[in-house]
Amino acid sequence: MHVVFGLTHIDLEMVWDSVLPTASQKGYPKIFDSALYWVLYEDGIAIAYTSHLKIDGVVLVGNTYVRKEYRSKGLHSYLLSQRNKSPVLKNLTKVTVLNPIEDSQLSNLISVVSNLGYKKVERITDISGEVSDELFTQLIESGKQIWSC
């Protein structure tokens, strides 16, 4: 397995060989649509992806997806771990919006991010880094849980 990063949404659709909904079409705040993608490959096949966007002194991360036939193998946690400890993001504050889709459960997402060291965000001061009121408002208005590490 190997991970490739820095792909746009259009690049992701090409390697996924499918038209994919944007992050905002999945229920994330619109700002996530500008994120860059990380893709996990096995035997030359794109099997999972996640994203990041540096903004306001933090990194928005999320919009992770694992192909159904590859689920329950720890690949979700593996890909997030690889992304988070990469030289690109290692020492930066990461903020994610938990957005369960399809058959994923919020409790499973909470377990994954908790195991990676994330803490639930209740107010802007829970996020270390320079987060603007505008960005925080966009995240809160999503109505979804926000977590940070």
Protein backbone atom coordinates (compact mmCIF):
# COMPACT_ATOMS: atom_id res chain seq x y z
CA MET A 1 0.00 0.00 0.00
CA HIS A 2 1.08 3.54 -0.63
CA VAL A 3 -0.40 7.03 -0.24
CA VAL A 4 -0.32 9.84 -2.81
CA PHE A 5 -1.29 13.38 -1.80
CA GLY A 6 -1.96 16.76 -3.37
CA LEU A 7 -4.80 15.78 -5.69
CA THR A 8 -7.67 18.12 -6.56
CA HIS A 9 -11.26 16.92 -6.68
CA ILE A 10 -10.96 16.51 -10.46
CA ASP A 11 -7.76 14.46 -10.01
CA LEU A 12 -9.55 12.33 -7.41
CA GLU A 13 -12.39 11.58 -9.83
CA MET A 14 -9.86 10.47 -12.44
CA VAL A 15 -8.02 8.06 -10.12
CA TRP A 16 -11.31 6.87 -8.60
CA ASP A 17 -12.66 6.39 -12.16
CA SER A 18 -15.99 7.84 -11.12
CA VAL A 19 -17.85 11.11 -10.72
CA LEU A 20 -17.76 11.91 -7.01
CA PRO A 21 -19.86 14.33 -4.97
CA THR A 22 -18.02 17.34 -3.60
CA ALA A 23 -17.49 17.59 0.14
CA SER A 24 -20.32 20.12 0.48
CA GLN A 25 -22.66 17.82 -1.45
CA LYS A 26 -21.91 15.22 1.24
CA GLY A 27 -22.82 17.66 4.04
CA TYR A 28 -19.48 19.29 4.89
CA PRO A 29 -19.13 23.08 5.06
CA LYS A 30 -18.55 24.54 1.56
CA ILE A 31 -14.96 25.49 2.43
CA PHE A 32 -14.01 21.77 2.31
CA ASP A 33 -14.59 21.81 -1.47
CA SER A 34 -11.15 23.45 -1.97
CA ALA A 35 -9.26 20.74 -0.08
CA LEU A 36 -6.48 18.60 -1.51
CA TYR A 37 -6.82 14.83 -1.40
CA TRP A 38 -4.72 11.96 -0.12
CA VAL A 39 -5.37 8.63 -1.84
CA LEU A 40 -4.50 5.18 -0.50
CA TYR A 41 -3.64 2.64 -3.18
CA GLU A 42 -3.38 -1.13 -3.01
CA ASP A 43 -2.05 -2.98 -6.05
CA GLY A 44 -2.51 0.15 -8.18
CA ILE A 45 -6.16 0.58 -7.19
CA ALA A 46 -7.40 3.68 -5.34
CA ILE A 47 -9.17 2.22 -2.30
CA ALA A 48 -9.57 5.18 0.10
CA TYR A 49 -9.19 8.93 0.27
CA THR A 50 -9.13 11.80 2.73
CA SER A 51 -8.40 15.51 2.44
CA HIS A 52 -6.81 18.57 4.00
CA LEU A 53 -7.01 22.34 3.60
CA LYS A 54 -4.67 24.78 5.35
CA ILE A 55 -6.58 27.88 6.42
CA ASP A 56 -6.51 30.40 9.27
CA GLY A 57 -3.49 28.81 10.96
CA VAL A 58 -5.10 25.35 11.18
CA VAL A 59 -5.71 22.46 8.83
CA LEU A 60 -9.22 21.32 8.03
CA VAL A 61 -9.18 17.56 7.53
CA GLY A 62 -11.83 15.05 6.66
CA ASN A 63 -14.11 13.93 3.86
CA THR A 64 -12.63 10.47 4.20
CA TYR A 65 -14.02 7.53 2.26
CA VAL A 66 -13.06 3.86 2.02
CA ARG A 67 -14.47 1.63 -0.72
CA LYS A 68 -17.07 -0.71 0.78
CA GLU A 69 -15.15 -3.88 -0.04
CA TYR A 70 -12.10 -2.56 1.88
CA ARG A 71 -13.90 -1.49 5.06
CA SER A 72 -13.41 -3.03 8.53
CA LYS A 73 -9.69 -3.54 7.88
CA GLY A 74 -8.40 -0.50 9.78
CA LEU A 75 -7.71 1.44 6.57
CA HIS A 76 -9.66 4.51 7.69
CA SER A 77 -7.47 4.92 10.78
CA TYR A 78 -4.34 4.02 8.81
CA LEU A 79 -4.95 6.67 6.15
CA LEU A 80 -5.75 9.39 8.71
CA SER A 81 -2.65 8.49 10.69
CA GLN A 82 -0.46 8.67 7.58
CA ARG A 83 -1.95 12.05 6.67
CA ASN A 84 -1.64 13.49 10.18
CA LYS A 85 1.98 12.42 10.78
CA SER A 86 3.20 13.45 7.32
CA PRO A 87 5.78 16.26 7.16
CA VAL A 88 3.10 18.37 5.45
CA LEU A 89 0.76 18.34 8.48
CA LYS A 90 2.68 16.84 11.41
CA ASN A 91 2.99 19.87 13.72
CA LEU A 92 -0.18 21.70 12.70
CA THR A 93 -3.51 21.86 14.53
CA LYS A 94 -6.02 19.70 12.68
CA VAL A 95 -9.77 20.33 12.78
CA THR A 96 -12.34 17.86 11.48
CA VAL A 97 -16.10 17.79 11.08
CA LEU A 98 -17.60 14.37 11.81
CA ASN A 99 -19.99 13.64 8.98
CA PRO A 100 -21.15 10.01 8.85
CA ILE A 101 -22.47 8.99 5.43
CA GLU A 102 -23.82 5.80 3.93
CA ASP A 103 -23.61 3.07 6.58
CA SER A 104 -20.97 4.71 8.80
CA GLN A 105 -21.93 5.51 12.38
CA LEU A 106 -21.05 8.63 14.36
CA SER A 107 -19.89 6.45 17.26
CA ASN A 108 -17.34 4.75 14.97
CA LEU A 109 -16.02 8.10 13.72
CA ILE A 110 -15.71 9.34 17.30
CA SER A 111 -13.74 6.21 18.18
CA VAL A 112 -11.36 6.66 15.24
CA VAL A 113 -10.62 10.34 15.91
CA SER A 114 -10.38 9.82 19.69
CA ASN A 115 -7.78 7.09 19.15
CA LEU A 116 -5.81 9.53 16.97
CA GLY A 117 -5.74 12.11 19.80
CA TYR A 118 -8.58 14.41 18.72
CA LYS A 119 -10.75 16.18 21.32
CA LYS A 120 -14.31 17.44 20.86
CA VAL A 121 -14.58 21.18 20.18
CA GLU A 122 -17.30 23.11 21.99
CA ARG A 123 -16.03 26.69 21.51
CA ILE A 124 -13.42 28.51 19.45
CA THR A 125 -10.93 28.53 22.33
CA ASP A 126 -10.86 24.70 22.21
CA ILE A 127 -8.92 24.97 18.94
CA SER A 128 -5.28 25.92 19.27
CA GLY A 129 -4.18 28.09 16.37
CA GLU A 130 -5.46 31.14 14.61
CA VAL A 131 -9.08 30.36 13.75
CA SER A 132 -11.19 33.25 12.56
CA ASP A 133 -14.69 33.76 13.92
CA GLU A 134 -15.95 33.42 10.33
CA LEU A 135 -14.38 29.98 9.85
CA PHE A 136 -15.54 28.78 13.26
CA THR A 137 -19.08 29.96 12.46
CA GLN A 138 -19.03 27.99 9.18
CA LEU A 139 -17.97 24.86 11.03
CA ILE A 140 -20.54 25.28 13.80
CA GLU A 141 -23.33 26.02 11.31
CA SER A 142 -22.76 22.59 9.74
CA GLY A 143 -24.61 21.18 12.78
CA LYS A 144 -22.05 18.40 13.02
CA GLN A 145 -19.52 17.58 15.73
CA ILE A 146 -16.16 19.34 15.43
CA TRP A 147 -12.98 17.71 16.76
CA SER A 148 -9.39 18.95 16.90
CA CYS A 149 -5.88 17.69 17.61
